[in-house]
């Protein structure tokens, strides 16, 4: 299993990132490139997945980029870790649910290393924290599968401005909150990306 690990230091424009990702998917399908795990940040951007509903936009002045990933509307920006994937399910089990479980488990195990207890929810995809008697999302997951190659990926809120989420109904969920890791536990998360990569690779082998 040859997976390229790519890291971008400077924020990457959302549309440029997706264009790169889609080109990689086509190359993987033609056996011209390795699979990919790509860690990056985006400038402040609102994106809408395929099940997006216009009523989820509360601030009508914002620009929203429509995208091919699963899910509804969300926000990306500085202080948030983005992990894009291009993983060939043809050489594994063609099981999308298992692939998403691998992502969920990788995030949960990684956060556990920082003393943070998190959990997944079948009804509301993503990774959640229980804080002040409320479930709050700390990581969002959005996947698309093309010719059994899974791509797009997930984001983890580390130290981003969650006030931006007040302009939308994040992921179409009204009765739950949004939280950052720094808000849960104020510590250094510089090693998080390395743990995510390690746990993802381990889980993808299972």
N, C-alpha and C. Protein backbone atom coordinates (compact mmCIF):
# COMPACT_ATOMS: atom_id res chain seq x y z
N UNK A 1 0.85 -1.20 0.00
CA UNK A 1 0.00 0.00 0.00
C UNK A 1 0.88 1.24 0.00
N UNK A 2 0.88 1.96 -1.13
CA UNK A 2 1.67 3.18 -1.25
C UNK A 2 0.76 4.39 -1.16
N UNK A 3 0.82 5.08 -0.03
CA UNK A 3 0.01 6.29 0.17
C UNK A 3 0.97 7.48 0.28
N UNK A 4 0.79 8.44 -0.60
CA UNK A 4 1.59 9.67 -0.53
C UNK A 4 1.05 10.56 0.59
N UNK A 5 1.96 11.07 1.41
CA UNK A 5 1.58 12.03 2.45
C UNK A 5 1.99 13.42 1.97
N UNK A 6 1.01 14.29 1.84
CA UNK A 6 1.25 15.64 1.34
C UNK A 6 0.85 16.65 2.43
N UNK A 7 1.71 17.62 2.68
CA UNK A 7 1.42 18.67 3.65
C UNK A 7 1.59 20.04 3.00
N UNK A 8 0.61 20.89 3.18
CA UNK A 8 0.70 22.26 2.67
C UNK A 8 0.82 23.21 3.84
N UNK A 9 1.87 24.02 3.83
CA UNK A 9 2.12 24.95 4.94
C UNK A 9 1.21 26.18 4.83
N UNK A 10 1.12 26.76 3.63
CA UNK A 10 0.27 27.94 3.42
C UNK A 10 -1.16 27.51 3.13
N UNK A 11 -2.16 28.33 3.51
CA UNK A 11 -3.56 28.00 3.20
C UNK A 11 -3.76 27.79 1.70
N UNK A 12 -4.58 26.80 1.36
CA UNK A 12 -4.83 26.44 -0.03
C UNK A 12 -6.26 26.82 -0.42
N UNK A 13 -6.40 27.52 -1.54
CA UNK A 13 -7.72 27.86 -2.06
C UNK A 13 -8.57 26.61 -2.23
N UNK A 14 -9.83 26.67 -1.80
CA UNK A 14 -10.69 25.49 -1.80
C UNK A 14 -10.85 24.88 -3.19
N UNK A 15 -11.18 25.71 -4.17
CA UNK A 15 -11.43 25.19 -5.52
C UNK A 15 -10.17 24.59 -6.14
N UNK A 16 -9.02 25.20 -5.87
CA UNK A 16 -7.76 24.65 -6.37
C UNK A 16 -7.47 23.29 -5.73
N UNK A 17 -7.78 23.17 -4.43
CA UNK A 17 -7.56 21.91 -3.72
C UNK A 17 -8.42 20.80 -4.30
N UNK A 18 -9.70 21.09 -4.55
CA UNK A 18 -10.61 20.08 -5.07
C UNK A 18 -10.23 19.70 -6.50
N UNK A 19 -9.78 20.67 -7.28
CA UNK A 19 -9.33 20.38 -8.65
C UNK A 19 -8.14 19.42 -8.61
N UNK A 20 -7.20 19.67 -7.70
CA UNK A 20 -6.04 18.79 -7.53
C UNK A 20 -6.49 17.39 -7.11
N UNK A 21 -7.43 17.35 -6.17
CA UNK A 21 -7.91 16.08 -5.63
C UNK A 21 -8.61 15.25 -6.71
N UNK A 22 -9.45 15.90 -7.51
CA UNK A 22 -10.17 15.20 -8.57
C UNK A 22 -9.22 14.67 -9.64
N UNK A 23 -8.17 15.45 -9.92
CA UNK A 23 -7.16 14.99 -10.88
C UNK A 23 -6.42 13.76 -10.34
N UNK A 24 -6.16 13.78 -9.03
CA UNK A 24 -5.48 12.63 -8.41
C UNK A 24 -6.37 11.38 -8.48
N UNK A 25 -7.66 11.55 -8.24
CA UNK A 25 -8.59 10.42 -8.31
C UNK A 25 -8.54 9.78 -9.70
N UNK A 26 -8.55 10.61 -10.73
CA UNK A 26 -8.48 10.10 -12.11
C UNK A 26 -7.17 9.35 -12.36
N UNK A 27 -6.08 9.88 -11.82
CA UNK A 27 -4.77 9.22 -11.99
C UNK A 27 -4.71 7.90 -11.24
N UNK A 28 -5.30 7.85 -10.06
CA UNK A 28 -5.35 6.60 -9.30
C UNK A 28 -6.15 5.56 -10.07
N UNK A 29 -7.26 5.99 -10.64
CA UNK A 29 -8.10 5.09 -11.42
C UNK A 29 -7.34 4.50 -12.61
N UNK A 30 -6.44 5.30 -13.20
CA UNK A 30 -5.64 4.85 -14.35
C UNK A 30 -4.32 4.18 -13.92
N UNK A 31 -4.15 4.01 -12.61
CA UNK A 31 -2.93 3.41 -12.05
C UNK A 31 -1.69 4.25 -12.36
N UNK A 32 -1.89 5.57 -12.41
CA UNK A 32 -0.79 6.48 -12.73
C UNK A 32 -0.27 7.24 -11.50
N UNK A 33 -0.91 7.04 -10.34
CA UNK A 33 -0.49 7.77 -9.14
C UNK A 33 -0.85 6.96 -7.90
N UNK A 34 -0.14 7.25 -6.81
CA UNK A 34 -0.42 6.62 -5.52
C UNK A 34 -1.64 7.25 -4.86
N UNK A 35 -2.18 6.55 -3.88
CA UNK A 35 -3.23 7.12 -3.04
C UNK A 35 -2.66 8.32 -2.26
N UNK A 36 -3.55 9.06 -1.62
CA UNK A 36 -3.13 10.34 -1.04
C UNK A 36 -3.78 10.61 0.31
N UNK A 37 -2.96 11.11 1.25
CA UNK A 37 -3.45 11.77 2.46
C UNK A 37 -2.83 13.16 2.44
N UNK A 38 -3.68 14.19 2.43
CA UNK A 38 -3.21 15.57 2.26
C UNK A 38 -3.71 16.43 3.42
N UNK A 39 -2.77 17.00 4.16
CA UNK A 39 -3.10 17.87 5.30
C UNK A 39 -2.88 19.33 4.92
N UNK A 40 -3.87 20.15 5.22
CA UNK A 40 -3.80 21.56 4.82
C UNK A 40 -4.78 22.40 5.63
N UNK A 41 -4.78 23.69 5.32
CA UNK A 41 -5.77 24.64 5.83
C UNK A 41 -6.37 25.37 4.64
N UNK A 42 -7.60 25.85 4.80
CA UNK A 42 -8.21 26.72 3.78
C UNK A 42 -8.34 28.13 4.32
N UNK A 43 -8.32 29.14 3.44
CA UNK A 43 -8.80 30.46 3.85
C UNK A 43 -10.29 30.33 4.20
N UNK A 44 -10.84 31.33 4.88
CA UNK A 44 -12.25 31.27 5.29
C UNK A 44 -13.16 31.01 4.09
N UNK A 45 -13.92 29.90 4.13
CA UNK A 45 -14.72 29.46 2.99
C UNK A 45 -15.95 28.70 3.49
N UNK A 46 -17.11 29.01 2.91
CA UNK A 46 -18.31 28.21 3.15
C UNK A 46 -18.50 27.26 1.97
N UNK A 47 -18.74 25.98 2.27
CA UNK A 47 -18.95 25.00 1.20
C UNK A 47 -20.23 24.23 1.45
N UNK A 48 -20.87 23.82 0.35
CA UNK A 48 -22.15 23.11 0.44
C UNK A 48 -22.06 21.79 -0.29
N UNK A 49 -22.36 20.68 0.41
CA UNK A 49 -22.33 19.35 -0.17
C UNK A 49 -23.60 19.05 -0.96
N UNK A 50 -23.71 17.82 -1.45
CA UNK A 50 -24.78 17.47 -2.38
C UNK A 50 -26.18 17.47 -1.74
N UNK A 51 -26.26 17.33 -0.41
CA UNK A 51 -27.58 17.34 0.24
C UNK A 51 -27.89 18.68 0.90
N UNK A 52 -27.18 19.70 0.46
CA UNK A 52 -27.32 21.07 0.97
C UNK A 52 -28.73 21.64 0.69
N UNK A 53 -29.23 22.42 1.66
CA UNK A 53 -30.52 23.09 1.52
C UNK A 53 -30.32 24.59 1.73
N UNK A 54 -30.90 25.41 0.88
CA UNK A 54 -30.71 26.87 0.97
C UNK A 54 -31.17 27.46 2.30
N UNK A 55 -32.13 26.79 2.96
CA UNK A 55 -32.62 27.33 4.24
C UNK A 55 -31.54 27.24 5.32
N UNK A 56 -30.47 26.47 5.06
CA UNK A 56 -29.38 26.35 6.03
C UNK A 56 -28.45 27.57 6.00
N UNK A 57 -28.66 28.49 5.05
CA UNK A 57 -27.89 29.74 5.00
C UNK A 57 -28.67 30.79 5.78
N UNK A 58 -28.15 31.21 6.91
CA UNK A 58 -28.83 32.21 7.74
C UNK A 58 -28.43 33.63 7.34
N UNK A 59 -27.17 33.81 7.00
CA UNK A 59 -26.66 35.11 6.53
C UNK A 59 -26.61 35.07 5.01
N UNK A 60 -27.58 35.70 4.36
CA UNK A 60 -27.71 35.60 2.91
C UNK A 60 -26.61 36.35 2.16
N UNK A 61 -25.75 37.09 2.88
CA UNK A 61 -24.69 37.86 2.22
C UNK A 61 -23.44 37.02 1.96
N UNK A 62 -23.36 35.83 2.53
CA UNK A 62 -22.14 35.03 2.38
C UNK A 62 -22.10 34.32 1.02
N UNK A 63 -20.88 34.08 0.55
CA UNK A 63 -20.68 33.30 -0.67
C UNK A 63 -20.51 31.83 -0.29
N UNK A 64 -21.20 30.96 -0.99
CA UNK A 64 -21.12 29.53 -0.71
C UNK A 64 -20.67 28.79 -1.97
N UNK A 65 -19.65 27.95 -1.82
CA UNK A 65 -19.15 27.15 -2.94
C UNK A 65 -19.85 25.79 -2.90
N UNK A 66 -20.52 25.45 -3.98
CA UNK A 66 -21.16 24.14 -4.08
C UNK A 66 -20.10 23.12 -4.49
N UNK A 67 -20.13 21.97 -3.83
CA UNK A 67 -19.10 20.96 -4.05
C UNK A 67 -19.72 19.57 -4.16
N UNK A 68 -18.93 18.61 -4.61
CA UNK A 68 -19.45 17.27 -4.90
C UNK A 68 -19.44 16.32 -3.71
N UNK A 69 -18.90 16.77 -2.58
CA UNK A 69 -18.82 15.86 -1.42
C UNK A 69 -20.20 15.60 -0.84
N UNK A 70 -20.28 14.57 -0.02
CA UNK A 70 -21.51 14.31 0.71
C UNK A 70 -21.70 15.35 1.81
N UNK A 71 -22.91 15.42 2.34
CA UNK A 71 -23.17 16.33 3.45
C UNK A 71 -23.81 17.64 3.01
N UNK A 72 -23.92 18.54 3.97
CA UNK A 72 -24.62 19.81 3.72
C UNK A 72 -23.64 20.98 3.78
N UNK A 73 -23.99 22.04 4.48
CA UNK A 73 -23.17 23.24 4.47
C UNK A 73 -22.24 23.29 5.69
N UNK A 74 -21.02 23.74 5.46
CA UNK A 74 -20.08 23.90 6.57
C UNK A 74 -19.13 25.06 6.26
N UNK A 75 -18.25 25.32 7.20
CA UNK A 75 -17.27 26.40 7.07
C UNK A 75 -15.88 25.83 7.27
N UNK A 76 -14.93 26.34 6.48
CA UNK A 76 -13.52 26.01 6.67
C UNK A 76 -12.75 27.31 6.84
N UNK A 77 -11.66 27.24 7.60
CA UNK A 77 -10.86 28.44 7.76
C UNK A 77 -9.64 28.24 8.64
N UNK A 78 -8.90 29.32 8.87
CA UNK A 78 -7.68 29.25 9.68
C UNK A 78 -7.93 28.65 11.05
N UNK A 79 -6.98 27.82 11.51
CA UNK A 79 -7.11 27.18 12.81
C UNK A 79 -7.80 25.84 12.75
N UNK A 80 -8.19 25.43 11.54
CA UNK A 80 -8.88 24.15 11.35
C UNK A 80 -7.98 23.24 10.52
N UNK A 81 -7.85 21.99 10.94
CA UNK A 81 -7.06 21.02 10.20
C UNK A 81 -7.95 20.32 9.18
N UNK A 82 -7.55 20.41 7.91
CA UNK A 82 -8.25 19.71 6.84
C UNK A 82 -7.43 18.49 6.46
N UNK A 83 -8.08 17.35 6.30
CA UNK A 83 -7.41 16.15 5.82
C UNK A 83 -8.17 15.63 4.61
N UNK A 84 -7.57 15.80 3.43
CA UNK A 84 -8.18 15.26 2.21
C UNK A 84 -7.57 13.90 1.91
N UNK A 85 -8.41 13.04 1.35
CA UNK A 85 -8.01 11.67 1.06
C UNK A 85 -8.33 11.33 -0.39
N UNK A 86 -7.55 10.46 -0.96
CA UNK A 86 -7.89 9.81 -2.23
C UNK A 86 -7.47 8.35 -2.05
N UNK A 87 -8.43 7.52 -1.70
CA UNK A 87 -8.15 6.14 -1.27
C UNK A 87 -8.91 5.16 -2.18
N UNK A 88 -8.19 4.21 -2.71
CA UNK A 88 -8.74 3.25 -3.67
C UNK A 88 -9.40 2.08 -2.94
N UNK A 89 -10.73 2.07 -2.94
CA UNK A 89 -11.46 0.98 -2.30
C UNK A 89 -11.50 -0.27 -3.18
N UNK A 90 -11.05 -0.16 -4.42
CA UNK A 90 -10.97 -1.33 -5.29
C UNK A 90 -9.95 -2.34 -4.77
N UNK A 91 -8.91 -1.85 -4.10
CA UNK A 91 -7.87 -2.74 -3.59
C UNK A 91 -8.11 -3.11 -2.12
N UNK A 92 -9.24 -2.65 -1.60
CA UNK A 92 -9.69 -3.02 -0.27
C UNK A 92 -11.10 -3.60 -0.41
N UNK A 93 -11.84 -3.66 0.67
CA UNK A 93 -13.25 -4.03 0.54
C UNK A 93 -14.00 -2.82 0.01
N UNK A 94 -14.88 -3.05 -0.94
CA UNK A 94 -15.70 -1.95 -1.48
C UNK A 94 -16.82 -1.63 -0.48
N UNK A 95 -16.42 -1.10 0.64
CA UNK A 95 -17.34 -0.89 1.76
C UNK A 95 -17.19 0.56 2.24
N UNK A 96 -18.12 1.41 1.81
CA UNK A 96 -18.04 2.84 2.14
C UNK A 96 -18.25 3.06 3.64
N UNK A 97 -19.17 2.30 4.23
CA UNK A 97 -19.42 2.45 5.67
C UNK A 97 -18.17 2.12 6.48
N UNK A 98 -17.48 1.07 6.07
CA UNK A 98 -16.24 0.69 6.77
C UNK A 98 -15.18 1.78 6.61
N UNK A 99 -15.12 2.36 5.42
CA UNK A 99 -14.15 3.43 5.17
C UNK A 99 -14.43 4.63 6.08
N UNK A 100 -15.68 5.01 6.20
CA UNK A 100 -16.04 6.12 7.09
C UNK A 100 -15.75 5.76 8.55
N UNK A 101 -16.03 4.50 8.92
CA UNK A 101 -15.69 4.05 10.27
C UNK A 101 -14.19 4.16 10.54
N UNK A 102 -13.39 3.84 9.53
CA UNK A 102 -11.93 3.98 9.67
C UNK A 102 -11.53 5.43 9.95
N UNK A 103 -12.18 6.35 9.26
CA UNK A 103 -11.92 7.77 9.50
C UNK A 103 -12.34 8.16 10.91
N UNK A 104 -13.55 7.78 11.28
CA UNK A 104 -14.08 8.12 12.61
C UNK A 104 -13.16 7.57 13.71
N UNK A 105 -12.78 6.31 13.59
CA UNK A 105 -11.93 5.69 14.61
C UNK A 105 -10.55 6.35 14.68
N UNK A 106 -10.03 6.74 13.52
CA UNK A 106 -8.72 7.40 13.49
C UNK A 106 -8.75 8.72 14.24
N UNK A 107 -9.83 9.48 14.07
CA UNK A 107 -9.97 10.76 14.78
C UNK A 107 -10.16 10.52 16.27
N UNK A 108 -11.05 9.60 16.62
CA UNK A 108 -11.35 9.32 18.03
C UNK A 108 -10.09 8.86 18.77
N UNK A 109 -9.34 7.94 18.18
CA UNK A 109 -8.11 7.44 18.81
C UNK A 109 -7.07 8.55 18.95
N UNK A 110 -6.97 9.39 17.91
CA UNK A 110 -6.01 10.50 17.95
C UNK A 110 -6.34 11.49 19.06
N UNK A 111 -7.61 11.81 19.20
CA UNK A 111 -8.03 12.77 20.24
C UNK A 111 -7.85 12.18 21.64
N UNK A 112 -8.01 10.87 21.73
CA UNK A 112 -7.83 10.19 23.03
C UNK A 112 -6.40 10.38 23.54
N UNK A 113 -5.44 10.46 22.62
CA UNK A 113 -4.03 10.67 23.00
C UNK A 113 -3.83 12.03 23.67
N UNK A 114 -4.78 12.96 23.43
CA UNK A 114 -4.71 14.28 24.06
C UNK A 114 -5.64 14.37 25.28
N UNK A 115 -6.14 13.23 25.71
CA UNK A 115 -7.02 13.21 26.88
C UNK A 115 -8.42 13.69 26.59
N UNK A 116 -8.85 13.60 25.33
CA UNK A 116 -10.18 14.07 24.93
C UNK A 116 -11.04 12.89 24.50
N UNK A 117 -12.19 12.75 25.15
CA UNK A 117 -13.12 11.67 24.83
C UNK A 117 -14.11 12.18 23.78
N UNK A 118 -14.18 11.49 22.66
CA UNK A 118 -15.09 11.87 21.59
C UNK A 118 -15.82 10.63 21.08
N UNK A 119 -16.83 10.84 20.24
CA UNK A 119 -17.62 9.71 19.77
C UNK A 119 -18.25 10.04 18.41
N UNK A 120 -18.63 8.97 17.70
CA UNK A 120 -19.33 9.12 16.43
C UNK A 120 -20.82 8.95 16.64
N UNK A 121 -21.60 9.31 15.63
CA UNK A 121 -23.06 9.24 15.72
C UNK A 121 -23.58 8.81 14.34
N UNK A 122 -24.22 7.66 14.26
CA UNK A 122 -24.72 7.14 12.98
C UNK A 122 -25.71 8.11 12.32
N UNK A 123 -26.52 8.79 13.14
CA UNK A 123 -27.55 9.69 12.60
C UNK A 123 -26.95 11.02 12.15
N UNK A 124 -25.93 11.48 12.84
CA UNK A 124 -25.30 12.77 12.52
C UNK A 124 -23.81 12.53 12.32
N UNK A 125 -23.41 12.33 11.07
CA UNK A 125 -22.04 11.96 10.78
C UNK A 125 -21.06 13.04 11.25
N UNK A 126 -19.94 12.60 11.76
CA UNK A 126 -18.93 13.51 12.30
C UNK A 126 -18.44 12.97 13.63
N UNK A 127 -17.59 13.75 14.28
CA UNK A 127 -17.08 13.38 15.60
C UNK A 127 -17.54 14.42 16.60
N UNK A 128 -18.02 13.93 17.75
CA UNK A 128 -18.72 14.77 18.72
C UNK A 128 -18.06 14.71 20.09
N UNK A 129 -18.28 15.79 20.84
CA UNK A 129 -17.84 15.92 22.23
C UNK A 129 -19.07 16.24 23.07
N UNK A 130 -19.16 15.65 24.25
CA UNK A 130 -20.23 16.02 25.17
C UNK A 130 -19.70 17.10 26.11
N UNK A 131 -20.25 18.31 26.01
CA UNK A 131 -19.78 19.43 26.83
C UNK A 131 -20.98 20.22 27.35
N UNK A 132 -21.01 20.44 28.65
CA UNK A 132 -22.11 21.18 29.28
C UNK A 132 -23.48 20.61 28.90
N UNK A 133 -23.57 19.28 28.96
CA UNK A 133 -24.81 18.56 28.69
C UNK A 133 -25.33 18.73 27.26
N UNK A 134 -24.42 19.10 26.34
CA UNK A 134 -24.80 19.24 24.94
C UNK A 134 -23.77 18.55 24.05
N UNK A 135 -24.25 17.91 22.98
CA UNK A 135 -23.34 17.32 22.01
C UNK A 135 -22.85 18.42 21.07
N UNK A 136 -21.53 18.51 20.91
CA UNK A 136 -20.94 19.52 20.05
C UNK A 136 -19.98 18.87 19.06
N UNK A 137 -20.07 19.30 17.81
CA UNK A 137 -19.25 18.71 16.76
C UNK A 137 -17.85 19.31 16.77
N UNK A 138 -16.84 18.42 16.77
CA UNK A 138 -15.46 18.87 16.72
C UNK A 138 -14.80 18.50 15.39
N UNK A 139 -15.40 17.55 14.66
CA UNK A 139 -14.86 17.15 13.36
C UNK A 139 -16.00 16.82 12.40
N UNK A 140 -15.89 17.34 11.18
CA UNK A 140 -16.89 17.09 10.14
C UNK A 140 -16.30 16.17 9.08
N UNK A 141 -17.13 15.28 8.54
CA UNK A 141 -16.69 14.32 7.53
C UNK A 141 -17.59 14.43 6.30
N UNK A 142 -16.97 14.51 5.13
CA UNK A 142 -17.72 14.55 3.87
C UNK A 142 -16.97 13.78 2.81
N UNK A 143 -17.59 12.74 2.26
CA UNK A 143 -16.91 11.83 1.34
C UNK A 143 -17.69 11.72 0.02
N UNK A 144 -16.97 11.55 -1.07
CA UNK A 144 -17.56 11.18 -2.35
C UNK A 144 -16.79 9.97 -2.88
N UNK A 145 -17.49 9.10 -3.58
CA UNK A 145 -16.85 7.91 -4.15
C UNK A 145 -17.05 7.92 -5.66
N UNK A 146 -15.96 7.82 -6.40
CA UNK A 146 -15.99 7.78 -7.86
C UNK A 146 -15.21 6.55 -8.32
N UNK A 147 -15.91 5.62 -9.00
CA UNK A 147 -15.29 4.38 -9.47
C UNK A 147 -14.56 3.65 -8.33
N UNK A 148 -15.21 3.70 -7.16
CA UNK A 148 -14.72 3.07 -5.93
C UNK A 148 -13.41 3.69 -5.41
N UNK A 149 -13.17 4.92 -5.79
CA UNK A 149 -12.08 5.69 -5.17
C UNK A 149 -12.74 6.76 -4.30
N UNK A 150 -12.46 6.70 -3.01
CA UNK A 150 -13.08 7.61 -2.05
C UNK A 150 -12.22 8.85 -1.89
N UNK A 151 -12.87 10.02 -1.95
CA UNK A 151 -12.10 11.26 -1.79
C UNK A 151 -12.92 12.34 -1.09
N UNK A 152 -12.39 13.55 -1.04
CA UNK A 152 -12.75 14.60 -0.09
C UNK A 152 -12.19 14.13 1.26
N UNK A 153 -12.85 14.34 2.39
CA UNK A 153 -12.23 13.92 3.64
C UNK A 153 -12.90 14.49 4.87
N UNK A 154 -12.10 15.11 5.76
CA UNK A 154 -12.66 15.60 7.02
C UNK A 154 -11.91 16.82 7.52
N UNK A 155 -12.53 17.52 8.44
CA UNK A 155 -11.90 18.69 9.08
C UNK A 155 -12.03 18.56 10.59
N UNK A 156 -11.02 19.04 11.31
CA UNK A 156 -11.03 19.03 12.77
C UNK A 156 -10.85 20.47 13.26
N UNK A 157 -11.76 20.90 14.12
CA UNK A 157 -11.68 22.24 14.68
C UNK A 157 -10.63 22.26 15.80
N UNK A 158 -9.53 22.95 15.56
CA UNK A 158 -8.48 23.03 16.58
C UNK A 158 -8.57 24.37 17.31
N UNK A 159 -8.41 25.46 16.59
CA UNK A 159 -8.43 26.78 17.24
C UNK A 159 -9.04 27.81 16.28
N UNK A 160 -10.07 27.42 15.56
CA UNK A 160 -10.70 28.32 14.59
C UNK A 160 -11.81 29.15 15.23
N UNK A 161 -12.26 30.16 14.49
CA UNK A 161 -13.29 31.08 14.95
C UNK A 161 -14.67 30.46 14.70
N UNK A 162 -15.28 29.91 15.75
CA UNK A 162 -16.57 29.22 15.54
C UNK A 162 -17.74 30.19 15.39
N UNK A 163 -17.50 31.49 15.54
CA UNK A 163 -18.59 32.46 15.33
C UNK A 163 -19.05 32.44 13.87
N UNK A 164 -18.18 32.00 12.96
CA UNK A 164 -18.55 31.92 11.54
C UNK A 164 -19.72 30.95 11.32
N UNK A 165 -19.82 29.95 12.19
CA UNK A 165 -20.89 28.97 12.05
C UNK A 165 -22.27 29.55 12.35
N UNK A 166 -22.29 30.73 12.98
CA UNK A 166 -23.57 31.37 13.28
C UNK A 166 -24.26 31.88 12.02
N UNK A 167 -23.52 31.94 10.92
CA UNK A 167 -24.08 32.42 9.65
C UNK A 167 -24.80 31.31 8.88
N UNK A 168 -24.69 30.09 9.38
CA UNK A 168 -25.28 28.93 8.71
C UNK A 168 -25.89 27.99 9.76
N UNK A 169 -26.59 26.96 9.28
CA UNK A 169 -26.95 25.84 10.14
C UNK A 169 -25.98 24.73 9.78
N UNK A 170 -24.91 24.57 10.56
CA UNK A 170 -23.82 23.66 10.17
C UNK A 170 -24.32 22.23 9.97
N UNK A 171 -24.05 21.69 8.78
CA UNK A 171 -24.44 20.32 8.43
C UNK A 171 -25.95 20.11 8.56
N UNK A 172 -26.70 21.21 8.58
CA UNK A 172 -28.16 21.12 8.67
C UNK A 172 -28.68 20.70 10.02
N UNK A 173 -27.83 20.74 11.05
CA UNK A 173 -28.21 20.27 12.39
C UNK A 173 -28.45 21.49 13.30
N UNK A 174 -29.68 21.61 13.80
CA UNK A 174 -30.06 22.81 14.56
C UNK A 174 -29.84 22.68 16.06
N UNK A 175 -29.96 21.47 16.59
CA UNK A 175 -30.02 21.30 18.05
C UNK A 175 -28.71 20.86 18.69
N UNK A 176 -27.61 21.02 17.96
CA UNK A 176 -26.31 20.65 18.50
C UNK A 176 -25.33 21.79 18.25
N UNK A 177 -24.21 21.77 18.97
CA UNK A 177 -23.27 22.87 18.88
C UNK A 177 -21.99 22.54 18.11
N UNK A 178 -21.12 23.53 18.05
CA UNK A 178 -19.80 23.40 17.44
C UNK A 178 -18.77 23.74 18.51
N UNK A 179 -17.64 23.03 18.51
CA UNK A 179 -16.62 23.29 19.51
C UNK A 179 -15.24 23.11 18.89
N UNK A 180 -14.23 23.72 19.50
CA UNK A 180 -12.84 23.52 19.06
C UNK A 180 -12.08 22.75 20.13
N UNK A 181 -11.00 22.12 19.73
CA UNK A 181 -10.18 21.38 20.70
C UNK A 181 -9.62 22.31 21.77
N UNK A 182 -9.22 23.51 21.37
CA UNK A 182 -8.66 24.47 22.33
C UNK A 182 -9.69 24.86 23.38
N UNK A 183 -10.96 24.89 22.98
CA UNK A 183 -12.03 25.21 23.91
C UNK A 183 -12.28 24.07 24.89
N UNK A 184 -12.07 22.84 24.41
CA UNK A 184 -12.26 21.67 25.27
C UNK A 184 -11.10 21.54 26.24
N UNK A 185 -9.88 21.64 25.71
CA UNK A 185 -8.67 21.47 26.51
C UNK A 185 -7.57 22.32 25.91
N UNK A 186 -7.16 23.35 26.62
CA UNK A 186 -6.18 24.31 26.10
C UNK A 186 -4.77 23.73 26.24
N UNK A 187 -4.32 23.09 25.15
CA UNK A 187 -3.00 22.48 25.14
C UNK A 187 -2.43 22.55 23.71
N UNK A 188 -1.23 22.06 23.55
CA UNK A 188 -0.56 22.09 22.25
C UNK A 188 -1.03 20.90 21.39
N UNK A 189 -1.52 21.21 20.20
CA UNK A 189 -2.01 20.17 19.30
C UNK A 189 -1.12 19.99 18.06
N UNK A 190 0.12 20.43 18.15
CA UNK A 190 1.02 20.34 16.99
C UNK A 190 1.23 18.91 16.51
N UNK A 191 1.13 17.95 17.41
CA UNK A 191 1.37 16.54 17.04
C UNK A 191 0.12 15.84 16.50
N UNK A 192 -1.00 16.55 16.47
CA UNK A 192 -2.26 15.92 16.07
C UNK A 192 -2.19 15.39 14.64
N UNK A 193 -1.64 16.18 13.73
CA UNK A 193 -1.62 15.75 12.33
C UNK A 193 -0.81 14.47 12.15
N UNK A 194 0.30 14.33 12.89
CA UNK A 194 1.11 13.12 12.80
C UNK A 194 0.33 11.90 13.31
N UNK A 195 -0.41 12.10 14.38
CA UNK A 195 -1.22 11.01 14.93
C UNK A 195 -2.34 10.61 13.98
N UNK A 196 -2.95 11.61 13.35
CA UNK A 196 -4.01 11.34 12.38
C UNK A 196 -3.48 10.47 11.24
N UNK A 197 -2.33 10.85 10.70
CA UNK A 197 -1.72 10.08 9.60
C UNK A 197 -1.43 8.64 10.04
N UNK A 198 -0.79 8.51 11.20
CA UNK A 198 -0.43 7.18 11.71
C UNK A 198 -1.66 6.30 11.90
N UNK A 199 -2.69 6.85 12.53
CA UNK A 199 -3.89 6.06 12.81
C UNK A 199 -4.70 5.77 11.54
N UNK A 200 -4.71 6.71 10.61
CA UNK A 200 -5.40 6.47 9.35
C UNK A 200 -4.77 5.31 8.58
N UNK A 201 -3.46 5.34 8.48
CA UNK A 201 -2.74 4.28 7.75
C UNK A 201 -2.96 2.93 8.41
N UNK A 202 -2.92 2.91 9.76
CA UNK A 202 -3.17 1.66 10.48
C UNK A 202 -4.58 1.14 10.23
N UNK A 203 -5.57 2.02 10.31
CA UNK A 203 -6.96 1.60 10.13
C UNK A 203 -7.28 1.21 8.70
N UNK A 204 -6.62 1.84 7.74
CA UNK A 204 -6.87 1.50 6.34
C UNK A 204 -6.34 0.12 5.98
N UNK A 205 -5.44 -0.38 6.80
CA UNK A 205 -4.90 -1.74 6.58
C UNK A 205 -5.84 -2.82 7.12
N UNK A 206 -6.77 -2.40 7.97
CA UNK A 206 -7.64 -3.39 8.64
C UNK A 206 -8.71 -3.95 7.70
